[in-house]
């Protein structure tokens, strides 16, 4: 089993479901503040609409690139979700994985935070 300590499971391109514009601002702010946080996750798993955050037009892409390159955070995108939205060739960060990989990471973690 894979040993990881903290995993974020992100299933949306925004935080909350009331105001889409505000939700996208909150998601961007979350990742910018995560760069400043003393503890970083070992993995960020993106499923459903969360995979859309990996496209160049989303404002969180630069923060995700820094997390991956400078802090060794593994960013993983659900292959089925990328295929569903037809954006597999548009992602700029992270690696494409299957559901079994996502399950293994969650099972091996001390804590999974669903965002």
PDB file of N, CA and C in Angstrom:
ATOM      1  N   UNK A   1       0.847  -1.194   0.000  1.00  0.00           N
ATOM      2  CA  UNK A   1       0.000   0.000   0.000  1.00  0.00           C
ATOM      3  C   UNK A   1       0.886   1.249   0.000  1.00  0.00           C
ATOM      4  N   UNK A   2       0.463   2.258  -0.682  1.00  0.00           N
ATOM      5  CA  UNK A   2       1.191   3.519  -0.779  1.00  0.00           C
ATOM      6  C   UNK A   2       0.999   4.300   0.516  1.00  0.00           C
ATOM      7  N   UNK A   3       2.083   4.868   1.046  1.00  0.00           N
ATOM      8  CA  UNK A   3       1.984   5.639   2.283  1.00  0.00           C
ATOM      9  C   UNK A   3       2.047   7.135   1.965  1.00  0.00           C
ATOM     10  N   UNK A   4       0.944   7.805   2.135  1.00  0.00           N
ATOM     11  CA  UNK A   4       0.875   9.251   1.952  1.00  0.00           C
ATOM     12  C   UNK A   4       0.190   9.839   3.173  1.00  0.00           C
ATOM     13  N   UNK A   5       0.404  11.111   3.409  1.00  0.00           N
ATOM     14  CA  UNK A   5      -0.154  11.661   4.635  1.00  0.00           C
ATOM     15  C   UNK A   5      -1.428  12.475   4.421  1.00  0.00           C
ATOM     16  N   UNK A   6      -1.445  13.354   3.451  1.00  0.00           N
ATOM     17  CA  UNK A   6      -2.582  14.248   3.274  1.00  0.00           C
ATOM     18  C   UNK A   6      -2.946  14.351   1.799  1.00  0.00           C
ATOM     19  N   UNK A   7      -4.208  14.093   1.499  1.00  0.00           N
ATOM     20  CA  UNK A   7      -4.692  14.099   0.120  1.00  0.00           C
ATOM     21  C   UNK A   7      -5.888  15.035   0.022  1.00  0.00           C
ATOM     22  N   UNK A   8      -5.907  15.842  -1.024  1.00  0.00           N
ATOM     23  CA  UNK A   8      -7.099  16.628  -1.350  1.00  0.00           C
ATOM     24  C   UNK A   8      -7.779  15.964  -2.535  1.00  0.00           C
ATOM     25  N   UNK A   9      -9.062  15.678  -2.385  1.00  0.00           N
ATOM     26  CA  UNK A   9      -9.884  15.146  -3.466  1.00  0.00           C
ATOM     27  C   UNK A   9     -10.784  16.288  -3.930  1.00  0.00           C
ATOM     28  N   UNK A  10     -10.559  16.734  -5.152  1.00  0.00           N
ATOM     29  CA  UNK A  10     -11.273  17.897  -5.675  1.00  0.00           C
ATOM     30  C   UNK A  10     -12.185  17.448  -6.801  1.00  0.00           C
ATOM     31  N   UNK A  11     -13.483  17.689  -6.615  1.00  0.00           N
ATOM     32  CA  UNK A  11     -14.469  17.212  -7.589  1.00  0.00           C
ATOM     33  C   UNK A  11     -15.210  18.344  -8.291  1.00  0.00           C
ATOM     34  N   UNK A  12     -14.724  19.573  -8.128  1.00  0.00           N
ATOM     35  CA  UNK A  12     -15.382  20.706  -8.769  1.00  0.00           C
ATOM     36  C   UNK A  12     -14.339  21.736  -9.186  1.00  0.00           C
ATOM     37  N   UNK A  13     -14.740  22.627 -10.083  1.00  0.00           N
ATOM     38  CA  UNK A  13     -13.863  23.718 -10.488  1.00  0.00           C
ATOM     39  C   UNK A  13     -14.114  24.961  -9.648  1.00  0.00           C
ATOM     40  N   UNK A  14     -14.945  24.815  -8.607  1.00  0.00           N
ATOM     41  CA  UNK A  14     -15.252  25.942  -7.721  1.00  0.00           C
ATOM     42  C   UNK A  14     -15.548  25.412  -6.332  1.00  0.00           C
ATOM     43  N   UNK A  15     -15.503  26.285  -5.346  1.00  0.00           N
ATOM     44  CA  UNK A  15     -15.877  25.927  -3.985  1.00  0.00           C
ATOM     45  C   UNK A  15     -17.306  26.420  -3.762  1.00  0.00           C
ATOM     46  N   UNK A  16     -18.149  25.546  -3.280  1.00  0.00           N
ATOM     47  CA  UNK A  16     -19.542  25.902  -3.047  1.00  0.00           C
ATOM     48  C   UNK A  16     -20.379  25.728  -4.300  1.00  0.00           C
ATOM     49  N   UNK A  17     -21.683  25.970  -4.150  1.00  0.00           N
ATOM     50  CA  UNK A  17     -22.569  25.788  -5.300  1.00  0.00           C
ATOM     51  C   UNK A  17     -23.615  26.887  -5.439  1.00  0.00           C
ATOM     52  N   UNK A  18     -23.434  27.993  -4.739  1.00  0.00           N
ATOM     53  CA  UNK A  18     -24.411  29.071  -4.819  1.00  0.00           C
ATOM     54  C   UNK A  18     -24.109  30.055  -5.952  1.00  0.00           C
ATOM     55  N   UNK A  19     -22.907  30.582  -5.965  1.00  0.00           N
ATOM     56  CA  UNK A  19     -22.520  31.605  -6.936  1.00  0.00           C
ATOM     57  C   UNK A  19     -21.275  31.123  -7.686  1.00  0.00           C
ATOM     58  N   UNK A  20     -21.403  30.740  -8.954  1.00  0.00           N
ATOM     59  CA  UNK A  20     -20.271  30.185  -9.703  1.00  0.00           C
ATOM     60  C   UNK A  20     -19.055  31.108  -9.762  1.00  0.00           C
ATOM     61  N   UNK A  21     -19.272  32.394  -9.972  1.00  0.00           N
ATOM     62  CA  UNK A  21     -18.142  33.323 -10.066  1.00  0.00           C
ATOM     63  C   UNK A  21     -17.399  33.405  -8.732  1.00  0.00           C
ATOM     64  N   UNK A  22     -18.149  33.531  -7.647  1.00  0.00           N
ATOM     65  CA  UNK A  22     -17.537  33.562  -6.325  1.00  0.00           C
ATOM     66  C   UNK A  22     -16.839  32.237  -6.028  1.00  0.00           C
ATOM     67  N   UNK A  23     -17.463  31.129  -6.397  1.00  0.00           N
ATOM     68  CA  UNK A  23     -16.879  29.817  -6.167  1.00  0.00           C
ATOM     69  C   UNK A  23     -15.542  29.630  -6.856  1.00  0.00           C
ATOM     70  N   UNK A  24     -15.402  30.169  -8.082  1.00  0.00           N
ATOM     71  CA  UNK A  24     -14.120  30.074  -8.783  1.00  0.00           C
ATOM     72  C   UNK A  24     -13.068  30.962  -8.122  1.00  0.00           C
ATOM     73  N   UNK A  25     -13.478  32.120  -7.625  1.00  0.00           N
ATOM     74  CA  UNK A  25     -12.546  32.989  -6.888  1.00  0.00           C
ATOM     75  C   UNK A  25     -12.080  32.308  -5.606  1.00  0.00           C
ATOM     76  N   UNK A  26     -13.004  31.642  -4.921  1.00  0.00           N
ATOM     77  CA  UNK A  26     -12.635  30.933  -3.700  1.00  0.00           C
ATOM     78  C   UNK A  26     -11.659  29.797  -3.986  1.00  0.00           C
ATOM     79  N   UNK A  27     -11.872  29.081  -5.072  1.00  0.00           N
ATOM     80  CA  UNK A  27     -10.964  27.985  -5.436  1.00  0.00           C
ATOM     81  C   UNK A  27      -9.574  28.539  -5.743  1.00  0.00           C
ATOM     82  N   UNK A  28      -9.513  29.631  -6.467  1.00  0.00           N
ATOM     83  CA  UNK A  28      -8.228  30.254  -6.769  1.00  0.00           C
ATOM     84  C   UNK A  28      -7.541  30.692  -5.476  1.00  0.00           C
ATOM     85  N   UNK A  29      -8.290  31.323  -4.584  1.00  0.00           N
ATOM     86  CA  UNK A  29      -7.731  31.780  -3.325  1.00  0.00           C
ATOM     87  C   UNK A  29      -7.243  30.591  -2.488  1.00  0.00           C
ATOM     88  N   UNK A  30      -7.983  29.502  -2.509  1.00  0.00           N
ATOM     89  CA  UNK A  30      -7.575  28.306  -1.785  1.00  0.00           C
ATOM     90  C   UNK A  30      -6.180  27.858  -2.219  1.00  0.00           C
ATOM     91  N   UNK A  31      -5.963  27.759  -3.529  1.00  0.00           N
ATOM     92  CA  UNK A  31      -4.672  27.287  -4.013  1.00  0.00           C
ATOM     93  C   UNK A  31      -3.557  28.296  -3.778  1.00  0.00           C
ATOM     94  N   UNK A  32      -3.851  29.574  -3.883  1.00  0.00           N
ATOM     95  CA  UNK A  32      -2.828  30.579  -3.586  1.00  0.00           C
ATOM     96  C   UNK A  32      -2.426  30.509  -2.116  1.00  0.00           C
ATOM     97  N   UNK A  33      -3.377  30.346  -1.232  1.00  0.00           N
ATOM     98  CA  UNK A  33      -3.078  30.245   0.196  1.00  0.00           C
ATOM     99  C   UNK A  33      -2.400  28.918   0.532  1.00  0.00           C
ATOM    100  N   UNK A  34      -2.710  27.867  -0.215  1.00  0.00           N
ATOM    101  CA  UNK A  34      -2.041  26.589  -0.011  1.00  0.00           C
ATOM    102  C   UNK A  34      -0.544  26.715  -0.286  1.00  0.00           C
ATOM    103  N   UNK A  35      -0.181  27.553  -1.247  1.00  0.00           N
ATOM    104  CA  UNK A  35       1.237  27.796  -1.517  1.00  0.00           C
ATOM    105  C   UNK A  35       1.938  28.398  -0.292  1.00  0.00           C
ATOM    106  N   UNK A  36       1.213  29.179   0.489  1.00  0.00           N
ATOM    107  CA  UNK A  36       1.777  29.828   1.673  1.00  0.00           C
ATOM    108  C   UNK A  36       1.713  28.945   2.916  1.00  0.00           C
ATOM    109  N   UNK A  37       0.900  27.916   2.900  1.00  0.00           N
ATOM    110  CA  UNK A  37       0.698  27.071   4.073  1.00  0.00           C
ATOM    111  C   UNK A  37       1.966  26.288   4.411  1.00  0.00           C
ATOM    112  N   UNK A  38       2.176  26.046   5.690  1.00  0.00           N
ATOM    113  CA  UNK A  38       3.376  25.324   6.114  1.00  0.00           C
ATOM    114  C   UNK A  38       3.295  23.840   5.751  1.00  0.00           C
ATOM    115  N   UNK A  39       2.112  23.270   5.749  1.00  0.00           N
ATOM    116  CA  UNK A  39       1.942  21.865   5.384  1.00  0.00           C
ATOM    117  C   UNK A  39       1.280  21.762   4.018  1.00  0.00           C
ATOM    118  N   UNK A  40       1.871  20.965   3.173  1.00  0.00           N
ATOM    119  CA  UNK A  40       1.333  20.744   1.831  1.00  0.00           C
ATOM    120  C   UNK A  40       0.790  19.320   1.745  1.00  0.00           C
ATOM    121  N   UNK A  41      -0.178  19.093   0.886  1.00  0.00           N
ATOM    122  CA  UNK A  41      -0.647  17.720   0.678  1.00  0.00           C
ATOM    123  C   UNK A  41       0.403  16.928  -0.090  1.00  0.00           C
ATOM    124  N   UNK A  42       0.332  15.615   0.029  1.00  0.00           N
ATOM    125  CA  UNK A  42       1.209  14.777  -0.782  1.00  0.00           C
ATOM    126  C   UNK A  42       0.622  14.596  -2.172  1.00  0.00           C
ATOM    127  N   UNK A  43      -0.727  14.624  -2.252  1.00  0.00           N
ATOM    128  CA  UNK A  43      -1.421  14.397  -3.516  1.00  0.00           C
ATOM    129  C   UNK A  43      -2.632  15.324  -3.632  1.00  0.00           C
ATOM    130  N   UNK A  44      -2.920  15.709  -4.857  1.00  0.00           N
ATOM    131  CA  UNK A  44      -4.177  16.368  -5.190  1.00  0.00           C
ATOM    132  C   UNK A  44      -4.809  15.513  -6.278  1.00  0.00           C
ATOM    133  N   UNK A  45      -5.971  14.960  -5.961  1.00  0.00           N
ATOM    134  CA  UNK A  45      -6.694  14.097  -6.885  1.00  0.00           C
ATOM    135  C   UNK A  45      -7.862  14.878  -7.467  1.00  0.00           C
ATOM    136  N   UNK A  46      -7.948  14.932  -8.777  1.00  0.00           N
ATOM    137  CA  UNK A  46      -9.011  15.685  -9.431  1.00  0.00           C
ATOM    138  C   UNK A  46      -9.936  14.744 -10.178  1.00  0.00           C
ATOM    139  N   UNK A  47     -11.229  14.853  -9.852  1.00  0.00           N
ATOM    140  CA  UNK A  47     -12.267  14.050 -10.495  1.00  0.00           C
ATOM    141  C   UNK A  47     -13.405  14.980 -10.902  1.00  0.00           C
ATOM    142  N   UNK A  48     -14.362  14.430 -11.640  1.00  0.00           N
ATOM    143  CA  UNK A  48     -15.509  15.193 -12.134  1.00  0.00           C
ATOM    144  C   UNK A  48     -15.045  16.534 -12.714  1.00  0.00           C
ATOM    145  N   UNK A  49     -15.740  17.633 -12.375  1.00  0.00           N
ATOM    146  CA  UNK A  49     -15.391  18.957 -12.916  1.00  0.00           C
ATOM    147  C   UNK A  49     -14.058  19.485 -12.395  1.00  0.00           C
ATOM    148  N   UNK A  50     -13.520  18.854 -11.374  1.00  0.00           N
ATOM    149  CA  UNK A  50     -12.223  19.269 -10.843  1.00  0.00           C
ATOM    150  C   UNK A  50     -11.111  19.184 -11.868  1.00  0.00           C
ATOM    151  N   UNK A  51     -11.223  18.241 -12.820  1.00  0.00           N
ATOM    152  CA  UNK A  51     -10.175  18.109 -13.841  1.00  0.00           C
ATOM    153  C   UNK A  51     -10.073  19.353 -14.717  1.00  0.00           C
ATOM    154  N   UNK A  52     -11.137  20.132 -14.775  1.00  0.00           N
ATOM    155  CA  UNK A  52     -11.116  21.342 -15.601  1.00  0.00           C
ATOM    156  C   UNK A  52     -10.115  22.368 -15.087  1.00  0.00           C
ATOM    157  N   UNK A  53      -9.764  22.293 -13.804  1.00  0.00           N
ATOM    158  CA  UNK A  53      -8.796  23.223 -13.223  1.00  0.00           C
ATOM    159  C   UNK A  53      -7.410  23.094 -13.855  1.00  0.00           C
ATOM    160  N   UNK A  54      -7.154  21.996 -14.541  1.00  0.00           N
ATOM    161  CA  UNK A  54      -5.847  21.743 -15.135  1.00  0.00           C
ATOM    162  C   UNK A  54      -5.672  22.378 -16.508  1.00  0.00           C
ATOM    163  N   UNK A  55      -6.684  23.061 -16.986  1.00  0.00           N
ATOM    164  CA  UNK A  55      -6.633  23.734 -18.286  1.00  0.00           C
ATOM    165  C   UNK A  55      -6.018  25.133 -18.131  1.00  0.00           C
ATOM    166  N   UNK A  56      -5.416  25.644 -19.195  1.00  0.00           N
ATOM    167  CA  UNK A  56      -4.714  26.936 -19.106  1.00  0.00           C
ATOM    168  C   UNK A  56      -5.600  28.124 -18.750  1.00  0.00           C
ATOM    169  N   UNK A  57      -6.888  28.072 -19.070  1.00  0.00           N
ATOM    170  CA  UNK A  57      -7.729  29.243 -18.805  1.00  0.00           C
ATOM    171  C   UNK A  57      -8.156  29.371 -17.350  1.00  0.00           C
ATOM    172  N   UNK A  58      -7.926  28.353 -16.549  1.00  0.00           N
ATOM    173  CA  UNK A  58      -8.304  28.440 -15.136  1.00  0.00           C
ATOM    174  C   UNK A  58      -7.186  29.104 -14.338  1.00  0.00           C
ATOM    175  N   UNK A  59      -7.572  29.990 -13.457  1.00  0.00           N
ATOM    176  CA  UNK A  59      -6.615  30.827 -12.744  1.00  0.00           C
ATOM    177  C   UNK A  59      -5.799  30.089 -11.697  1.00  0.00           C
ATOM    178  N   UNK A  60      -6.104  28.836 -11.423  1.00  0.00           N
ATOM    179  CA  UNK A  60      -5.344  28.080 -10.433  1.00  0.00           C
ATOM    180  C   UNK A  60      -4.167  27.332 -11.051  1.00  0.00           C
ATOM    181  N   UNK A  61      -4.054  27.328 -12.357  1.00  0.00           N
ATOM    182  CA  UNK A  61      -3.053  26.502 -13.032  1.00  0.00           C
ATOM    183  C   UNK A  61      -1.630  26.840 -12.591  1.00  0.00           C
ATOM    184  N   UNK A  62      -1.322  28.112 -12.408  1.00  0.00           N
ATOM    185  CA  UNK A  62       0.038  28.483 -12.000  1.00  0.00           C
ATOM    186  C   UNK A  62       0.360  27.967 -10.600  1.00  0.00           C
ATOM    187  N   UNK A  63      -0.601  28.059  -9.696  1.00  0.00           N
ATOM    188  CA  UNK A  63      -0.389  27.545  -8.338  1.00  0.00           C
ATOM    189  C   UNK A  63      -0.197  26.025  -8.369  1.00  0.00           C
ATOM    190  N   UNK A  64      -0.970  25.332  -9.185  1.00  0.00           N
ATOM    191  CA  UNK A  64      -0.823  23.887  -9.299  1.00  0.00           C
ATOM    192  C   UNK A  64       0.553  23.511  -9.847  1.00  0.00           C
ATOM    193  N   UNK A  65       1.039  24.257 -10.802  1.00  0.00           N
ATOM    194  CA  UNK A  65       2.373  24.004 -11.362  1.00  0.00           C
ATOM    195  C   UNK A  65       3.450  24.167 -10.291  1.00  0.00           C
ATOM    196  N   UNK A  66       3.324  25.195  -9.468  1.00  0.00           N
ATOM    197  CA  UNK A  66       4.294  25.422  -8.394  1.00  0.00           C
ATOM    198  C   UNK A  66       4.222  24.290  -7.370  1.00  0.00           C
ATOM    199  N   UNK A  67       3.019  23.899  -6.986  1.00  0.00           N
ATOM    200  CA  UNK A  67       2.864  22.801  -6.028  1.00  0.00           C
ATOM    201  C   UNK A  67       3.522  21.525  -6.539  1.00  0.00           C
ATOM    202  N   UNK A  68       3.351  21.247  -7.820  1.00  0.00           N
ATOM    203  CA  UNK A  68       3.915  20.036  -8.403  1.00  0.00           C
ATOM    204  C   UNK A  68       5.442  20.111  -8.506  1.00  0.00           C
ATOM    205  N   UNK A  69       5.949  21.211  -9.004  1.00  0.00           N
ATOM    206  CA  UNK A  69       7.389  21.311  -9.291  1.00  0.00           C
ATOM    207  C   UNK A  69       8.230  21.661  -8.073  1.00  0.00           C
ATOM    208  N   UNK A  70       7.767  22.577  -7.259  1.00  0.00           N
ATOM    209  CA  UNK A  70       8.586  23.046  -6.141  1.00  0.00           C
ATOM    210  C   UNK A  70       8.324  22.309  -4.833  1.00  0.00           C
ATOM    211  N   UNK A  71       7.151  21.721  -4.680  1.00  0.00           N
ATOM    212  CA  UNK A  71       6.799  21.068  -3.420  1.00  0.00           C
ATOM    213  C   UNK A  71       6.534  19.569  -3.581  1.00  0.00           C
ATOM    214  N   UNK A  72       6.764  19.049  -4.778  1.00  0.00           N
ATOM    215  CA  UNK A  72       6.605  17.615  -5.054  1.00  0.00           C
ATOM    216  C   UNK A  72       5.214  17.065  -4.719  1.00  0.00           C
ATOM    217  N   UNK A  73       4.198  17.895  -4.885  1.00  0.00           N
ATOM    218  CA  UNK A  73       2.823  17.437  -4.711  1.00  0.00           C
ATOM    219  C   UNK A  73       2.435  16.695  -5.986  1.00  0.00           C
ATOM    220  N   UNK A  74       1.971  15.470  -5.828  1.00  0.00           N
ATOM    221  CA  UNK A  74       1.540  14.704  -6.992  1.00  0.00           C
ATOM    222  C   UNK A  74       0.116  15.103  -7.352  1.00  0.00           C
ATOM    223  N   UNK A  75      -0.045  15.602  -8.561  1.00  0.00           N
ATOM    224  CA  UNK A  75      -1.353  16.011  -9.054  1.00  0.00           C
ATOM    225  C   UNK A  75      -1.815  14.956 -10.045  1.00  0.00           C
ATOM    226  N   UNK A  76      -2.987  14.387  -9.763  1.00  0.00           N
ATOM    227  CA  UNK A  76      -3.483  13.280 -10.571  1.00  0.00           C
ATOM    228  C   UNK A  76      -4.895  13.564 -11.053  1.00  0.00           C
ATOM    229  N   UNK A  77      -5.103  13.376 -12.339  1.00  0.00           N
ATOM    230  CA  UNK A  77      -6.401  13.639 -12.962  1.00  0.00           C
ATOM    231  C   UNK A  77      -7.033  12.344 -13.432  1.00  0.00           C
ATOM    232  N   UNK A  78      -8.306  12.202 -13.166  1.00  0.00           N
ATOM    233  CA  UNK A  78      -9.081  11.023 -13.548  1.00  0.00           C
ATOM    234  C   UNK A  78      -9.209  10.935 -15.079  1.00  0.00           C
ATOM    235  N   UNK A  79      -8.719   9.832 -15.623  1.00  0.00           N
ATOM    236  CA  UNK A  79      -8.757   9.634 -17.071  1.00  0.00           C
ATOM    237  C   UNK A  79     -10.193   9.624 -17.612  1.00  0.00           C
ATOM    238  N   UNK A  80     -11.102   8.957 -16.923  1.00  0.00           N
ATOM    239  CA  UNK A  80     -12.502   8.884 -17.365  1.00  0.00           C
ATOM    240  C   UNK A  80     -13.112  10.278 -17.428  1.00  0.00           C
ATOM    241  N   UNK A  81     -12.801  11.112 -16.437  1.00  0.00           N
ATOM    242  CA  UNK A  81     -13.346  12.474 -16.393  1.00  0.00           C
ATOM    243  C   UNK A  81     -12.780  13.331 -17.520  1.00  0.00           C
ATOM    244  N   UNK A  82     -11.485  13.217 -17.767  1.00  0.00           N
ATOM    245  CA  UNK A  82     -10.864  13.972 -18.857  1.00  0.00           C
ATOM    246  C   UNK A  82     -11.464  13.562 -20.196  1.00  0.00           C
ATOM    247  N   UNK A  83     -11.673  12.263 -20.378  1.00  0.00           N
ATOM    248  CA  UNK A  83     -12.301  11.771 -21.615  1.00  0.00           C
ATOM    249  C   UNK A  83     -13.732  12.281 -21.738  1.00  0.00           C
ATOM    250  N   UNK A  84     -14.465  12.266 -20.646  1.00  0.00           N
ATOM    251  CA  UNK A  84     -15.854  12.712 -20.651  1.00  0.00           C
ATOM    252  C   UNK A  84     -15.967  14.162 -21.122  1.00  0.00           C
ATOM    253  N   UNK A  85     -15.076  15.025 -20.616  1.00  0.00           N
ATOM    254  CA  UNK A  85     -15.102  16.443 -21.007  1.00  0.00           C
ATOM    255  C   UNK A  85     -14.306  16.721 -22.287  1.00  0.00           C
ATOM    256  N   UNK A  86     -13.610  15.727 -22.802  1.00  0.00           N
ATOM    257  CA  UNK A  86     -12.839  15.897 -24.033  1.00  0.00           C
ATOM    258  C   UNK A  86     -11.680  16.865 -23.888  1.00  0.00           C
ATOM    259  N   UNK A  87     -11.018  16.837 -22.734  1.00  0.00           N
ATOM    260  CA  UNK A  87      -9.954  17.825 -22.476  1.00  0.00           C
ATOM    261  C   UNK A  87      -8.606  17.169 -22.153  1.00  0.00           C
ATOM    262  N   UNK A  88      -8.464  15.890 -22.407  1.00  0.00           N
ATOM    263  CA  UNK A  88      -7.228  15.190 -22.059  1.00  0.00           C
ATOM    264  C   UNK A  88      -5.993  15.871 -22.663  1.00  0.00           C
ATOM    265  N   UNK A  89      -6.110  16.386 -23.863  1.00  0.00           N
ATOM    266  CA  UNK A  89      -4.962  17.008 -24.525  1.00  0.00           C
ATOM    267  C   UNK A  89      -4.778  18.478 -24.135  1.00  0.00           C
ATOM    268  N   UNK A  90      -5.606  18.987 -23.228  1.00  0.00           N
ATOM    269  CA  UNK A  90      -5.533  20.399 -22.844  1.00  0.00           C
ATOM    270  C   UNK A  90      -4.942  20.633 -21.462  1.00  0.00           C
ATOM    271  N   UNK A  91      -4.715  19.571 -20.693  1.00  0.00           N
ATOM    272  CA  UNK A  91      -4.226  19.793 -19.337  1.00  0.00           C
ATOM    273  C   UNK A  91      -2.748  20.175 -19.361  1.00  0.00           C
ATOM    274  N   UNK A  92      -2.372  21.048 -18.441  1.00  0.00           N
ATOM    275  CA  UNK A  92      -1.012  21.591 -18.426  1.00  0.00           C
ATOM    276  C   UNK A  92      -0.171  21.122 -17.247  1.00  0.00           C
ATOM    277  N   UNK A  93      -0.749  20.345 -16.367  1.00  0.00           N
ATOM    278  CA  UNK A  93      -0.020  19.904 -15.188  1.00  0.00           C
ATOM    279  C   UNK A  93      -0.620  18.587 -14.719  1.00  0.00           C
ATOM    280  N   UNK A  94       0.154  17.825 -13.982  1.00  0.00           N
ATOM    281  CA  UNK A  94      -0.342  16.588 -13.416  1.00  0.00           C
ATOM    282  C   UNK A  94      -0.222  15.411 -14.357  1.00  0.00           C
ATOM    283  N   UNK A  95      -0.632  14.259 -13.830  1.00  0.00           N
ATOM    284  CA  UNK A  95      -0.612  13.061 -14.664  1.00  0.00           C
ATOM    285  C   UNK A  95      -2.005  12.441 -14.696  1.00  0.00           C
ATOM    286  N   UNK A  96      -2.248  11.732 -15.769  1.00  0.00           N
ATOM    287  CA  UNK A  96      -3.539  11.097 -15.990  1.00  0.00           C
ATOM    288  C   UNK A  96      -3.490   9.696 -15.387  1.00  0.00           C
ATOM    289  N   UNK A  97      -4.496   9.400 -14.547  1.00  0.00           N
ATOM    290  CA  UNK A  97      -4.511   8.111 -13.861  1.00  0.00           C
ATOM    291  C   UNK A  97      -5.899   7.487 -13.941  1.00  0.00           C
ATOM    292  N   UNK A  98      -5.934   6.204 -13.672  1.00  0.00           N
ATOM    293  CA  UNK A  98      -7.199   5.490 -13.621  1.00  0.00           C
ATOM    294  C   UNK A  98      -7.782   5.508 -12.214  1.00  0.00           C
ATOM    295  N   UNK A  99      -8.998   5.044 -12.084  1.00  0.00           N
ATOM    296  CA  UNK A  99      -9.677   5.057 -10.793  1.00  0.00           C
ATOM    297  C   UNK A  99      -8.976   4.185  -9.765  1.00  0.00           C
ATOM    298  N   UNK A 100      -8.359   3.079 -10.202  1.00  0.00           N
ATOM    299  CA  UNK A 100      -7.652   2.225  -9.240  1.00  0.00           C
ATOM    300  C   UNK A 100      -6.493   2.981  -8.590  1.00  0.00           C
ATOM    301  N   UNK A 101      -5.839   3.850  -9.345  1.00  0.00           N
ATOM    302  CA  UNK A 101      -4.753   4.664  -8.782  1.00  0.00           C
ATOM    303  C   UNK A 101      -5.297   5.629  -7.729  1.00  0.00           C
ATOM    304  N   UNK A 102      -6.431   6.230  -8.029  1.00  0.00           N
ATOM    305  CA  UNK A 102      -7.065   7.163  -7.090  1.00  0.00           C
ATOM    306  C   UNK A 102      -7.467   6.421  -5.812  1.00  0.00           C
ATOM    307  N   UNK A 103      -8.031   5.241  -5.962  1.00  0.00           N
ATOM    308  CA  UNK A 103      -8.424   4.434  -4.809  1.00  0.00           C
ATOM    309  C   UNK A 103      -7.204   4.077  -3.968  1.00  0.00           C
ATOM    310  N   UNK A 104      -6.131   3.641  -4.609  1.00  0.00           N
ATOM    311  CA  UNK A 104      -4.924   3.260  -3.877  1.00  0.00           C
ATOM    312  C   UNK A 104      -4.328   4.426  -3.095  1.00  0.00           C
ATOM    313  N   UNK A 105      -4.332   5.601  -3.681  1.00  0.00           N
ATOM    314  CA  UNK A 105      -3.814   6.779  -2.983  1.00  0.00           C
ATOM    315  C   UNK A 105      -4.685   7.086  -1.766  1.00  0.00           C
ATOM    316  N   UNK A 106      -5.991   7.060  -1.930  1.00  0.00           N
ATOM    317  CA  UNK A 106      -6.878   7.345  -0.799  1.00  0.00           C
ATOM    318  C   UNK A 106      -6.740   6.290   0.295  1.00  0.00           C
ATOM    319  N   UNK A 107      -6.647   5.027  -0.081  1.00  0.00           N
ATOM    320  CA  UNK A 107      -6.512   3.960   0.915  1.00  0.00           C
ATOM    321  C   UNK A 107      -5.189   4.060   1.660  1.00  0.00           C
ATOM    322  N   UNK A 108      -4.159   4.547   1.021  1.00  0.00           N
ATOM    323  CA  UNK A 108      -2.848   4.644   1.642  1.00  0.00           C
ATOM    324  C   UNK A 108      -2.616   5.924   2.421  1.00  0.00           C
ATOM    325  N   UNK A 109      -3.591   6.809   2.433  1.00  0.00           N
ATOM    326  CA  UNK A 109      -3.387   8.111   3.083  1.00  0.00           C
ATOM    327  C   UNK A 109      -3.857   8.100   4.529  1.00  0.00           C
ATOM    328  N   UNK A 110      -3.292   9.004   5.301  1.00  0.00           N
ATOM    329  CA  UNK A 110      -3.744   9.206   6.675  1.00  0.00           C
ATOM    330  C   UNK A 110      -5.017  10.025   6.705  1.00  0.00           C
ATOM    331  N   UNK A 111      -5.160  10.935   5.739  1.00  0.00           N
ATOM    332  CA  UNK A 111      -6.312  11.825   5.741  1.00  0.00           C
ATOM    333  C   UNK A 111      -6.639  12.252   4.309  1.00  0.00           C
ATOM    334  N   UNK A 112      -7.930  12.155   3.964  1.00  0.00           N
ATOM    335  CA  UNK A 112      -8.417  12.617   2.667  1.00  0.00           C
ATOM    336  C   UNK A 112      -9.411  13.752   2.943  1.00  0.00           C
ATOM    337  N   UNK A 113      -9.150  14.903   2.336  1.00  0.00           N
ATOM    338  CA  UNK A 113     -10.037  16.050   2.469  1.00  0.00           C
ATOM    339  C   UNK A 113     -10.748  16.238   1.139  1.00  0.00           C
ATOM    340  N   UNK A 114     -12.074  16.182   1.192  1.00  0.00           N
ATOM    341  CA  UNK A 114     -12.896  16.368  -0.010  1.00  0.00           C
ATOM    342  C   UNK A 114     -13.229  17.844  -0.145  1.00  0.00           C
ATOM    343  N   UNK A 115     -12.849  18.434  -1.247  1.00  0.00           N
ATOM    344  CA  UNK A 115     -13.086  19.851  -1.473  1.00  0.00           C
ATOM    345  C   UNK A 115     -14.002  20.049  -2.645  1.00  0.00           C
TER     346      UNK A 115
END
